[in-house]
Amino acid sequence: MFKHGDIVFKQYTGNSGGIVDYSKVGLILEARHQLYSISQYRVSFAGNPPAWYEERYLYKIKEPET
């Protein structure tokens, strides 16, 4: 799950699994969580106006565990 202020990349889903596009970097501005629905996030990608994306279309790099 993502939170406000996270930096994410755009991910494309398909038959071959998720393909992450590291050239599309975005900032999460707002989150919308509703009961019995997929979480949505308002993301601003560089050069584009903010838009709503479902969680499955976003990818966040996980920090390594120490």
C-alpha atoms as a PDB file:
ATOM      1  CA  MET A   1       0.000   0.000   0.000  1.00  0.00           C
ATOM      2  CA  PHE A   2       1.218   3.481  -0.831  1.00  0.00           C
ATOM      3  CA  LYS A   3       0.897   6.694   1.134  1.00  0.00           C
ATOM      4  CA  HIS A   4       0.882  10.420   0.476  1.00  0.00           C
ATOM      5  CA  GLY A   5       4.298  11.656  -0.700  1.00  0.00           C
ATOM      6  CA  ASP A   6       5.614   8.332  -2.012  1.00  0.00           C
ATOM      7  CA  ILE A   7       7.591   8.315  -5.253  1.00  0.00           C
ATOM      8  CA  VAL A   8       6.319   5.688  -7.686  1.00  0.00           C
ATOM      9  CA  PHE A   9       6.882   4.407 -11.209  1.00  0.00           C
ATOM     10  CA  LYS A  10       4.231   3.559 -13.775  1.00  0.00           C
ATOM     11  CA  GLN A  11       3.641  -0.166 -14.215  1.00  0.00           C
ATOM     12  CA  TYR A  12       1.930  -1.862 -17.129  1.00  0.00           C
ATOM     13  CA  THR A  13       0.074  -5.103 -16.437  1.00  0.00           C
ATOM     14  CA  GLY A  14      -0.576  -7.856 -18.913  1.00  0.00           C
ATOM     15  CA  ASN A  15      -0.264 -11.556 -19.592  1.00  0.00           C
ATOM     16  CA  SER A  16       3.488 -11.520 -18.979  1.00  0.00           C
ATOM     17  CA  GLY A  17       3.172  -9.845 -15.566  1.00  0.00           C
ATOM     18  CA  GLY A  18       3.986  -6.313 -14.542  1.00  0.00           C
ATOM     19  CA  ILE A  19       6.424  -4.311 -16.645  1.00  0.00           C
ATOM     20  CA  VAL A  20       7.804  -1.282 -14.813  1.00  0.00           C
ATOM     21  CA  ASP A  21       8.576   1.854 -16.826  1.00  0.00           C
ATOM     22  CA  TYR A  22      11.385   3.531 -14.881  1.00  0.00           C
ATOM     23  CA  SER A  23      11.249   6.596 -17.142  1.00  0.00           C
ATOM     24  CA  LYS A  24       7.804   7.534 -15.739  1.00  0.00           C
ATOM     25  CA  VAL A  25       8.419   8.865 -12.204  1.00  0.00           C
ATOM     26  CA  GLY A  26       5.499  10.222 -10.201  1.00  0.00           C
ATOM     27  CA  LEU A  27       4.532  11.618  -6.809  1.00  0.00           C
ATOM     28  CA  ILE A  28       1.414  10.467  -4.928  1.00  0.00           C
ATOM     29  CA  LEU A  29      -0.696  13.493  -4.039  1.00  0.00           C
ATOM     30  CA  GLU A  30      -3.838  11.874  -2.641  1.00  0.00           C
ATOM     31  CA  ALA A  31      -5.199   8.431  -1.764  1.00  0.00           C
ATOM     32  CA  ARG A  32      -8.746   7.082  -1.978  1.00  0.00           C
ATOM     33  CA  HIS A  33      -9.553   3.926   0.000  1.00  0.00           C
ATOM     34  CA  GLN A  34     -13.111   2.602  -0.058  1.00  0.00           C
ATOM     35  CA  LEU A  35     -14.547  -0.559   1.406  1.00  0.00           C
ATOM     36  CA  TYR A  36     -14.792  -3.429  -1.131  1.00  0.00           C
ATOM     37  CA  SER A  37     -12.985  -1.567  -3.911  1.00  0.00           C
ATOM     38  CA  ILE A  38      -9.477  -1.215  -5.302  1.00  0.00           C
ATOM     39  CA  SER A  39      -7.405   1.583  -3.772  1.00  0.00           C
ATOM     40  CA  GLN A  40      -6.848   4.558  -6.049  1.00  0.00           C
ATOM     41  CA  TYR A  41      -4.135   7.180  -5.937  1.00  0.00           C
ATOM     42  CA  ARG A  42      -3.889  10.628  -7.495  1.00  0.00           C
ATOM     43  CA  VAL A  43      -0.424  10.770  -9.037  1.00  0.00           C
ATOM     44  CA  SER A  44       1.448  13.561 -10.766  1.00  0.00           C
ATOM     45  CA  PHE A  45       3.875  12.244 -13.390  1.00  0.00           C
ATOM     46  CA  ALA A  46       6.465  14.657 -14.809  1.00  0.00           C
ATOM     47  CA  GLY A  47       5.023  16.781 -17.589  1.00  0.00           C
ATOM     48  CA  ASN A  48       1.434  15.545 -17.161  1.00  0.00           C
ATOM     49  CA  PRO A  49      -1.484  16.807 -15.065  1.00  0.00           C
ATOM     50  CA  PRO A  50      -2.389  14.709 -11.976  1.00  0.00           C
ATOM     51  CA  ALA A  51      -4.639  11.721 -12.648  1.00  0.00           C
ATOM     52  CA  TRP A  52      -6.156   8.819 -10.685  1.00  0.00           C
ATOM     53  CA  TYR A  53      -4.490   5.391 -10.943  1.00  0.00           C
ATOM     54  CA  GLU A  54      -5.347   2.043  -9.393  1.00  0.00           C
ATOM     55  CA  GLU A  55      -2.769   0.418  -7.158  1.00  0.00           C
ATOM     56  CA  ARG A  56      -1.907  -2.256  -9.743  1.00  0.00           C
ATOM     57  CA  TYR A  57      -0.632   0.387 -12.204  1.00  0.00           C
ATOM     58  CA  LEU A  58       1.935   1.803  -9.764  1.00  0.00           C
ATOM     59  CA  TYR A  59       5.243   0.409  -8.526  1.00  0.00           C
ATOM     60  CA  LYS A  60       7.323   1.544  -5.563  1.00  0.00           C
ATOM     61  CA  ILE A  61      10.898   0.447  -4.970  1.00  0.00           C
ATOM     62  CA  LYS A  62      11.142  -1.366  -1.663  1.00  0.00           C
ATOM     63  CA  GLU A  63      13.928  -0.488   0.762  1.00  0.00           C
ATOM     64  CA  PRO A  64      16.330  -3.333   1.495  1.00  0.00           C
ATOM     65  CA  GLU A  65      15.944  -4.973   4.874  1.00  0.00           C
ATOM     66  CA  THR A  66      18.872  -4.666   7.257  1.00  0.00           C
END
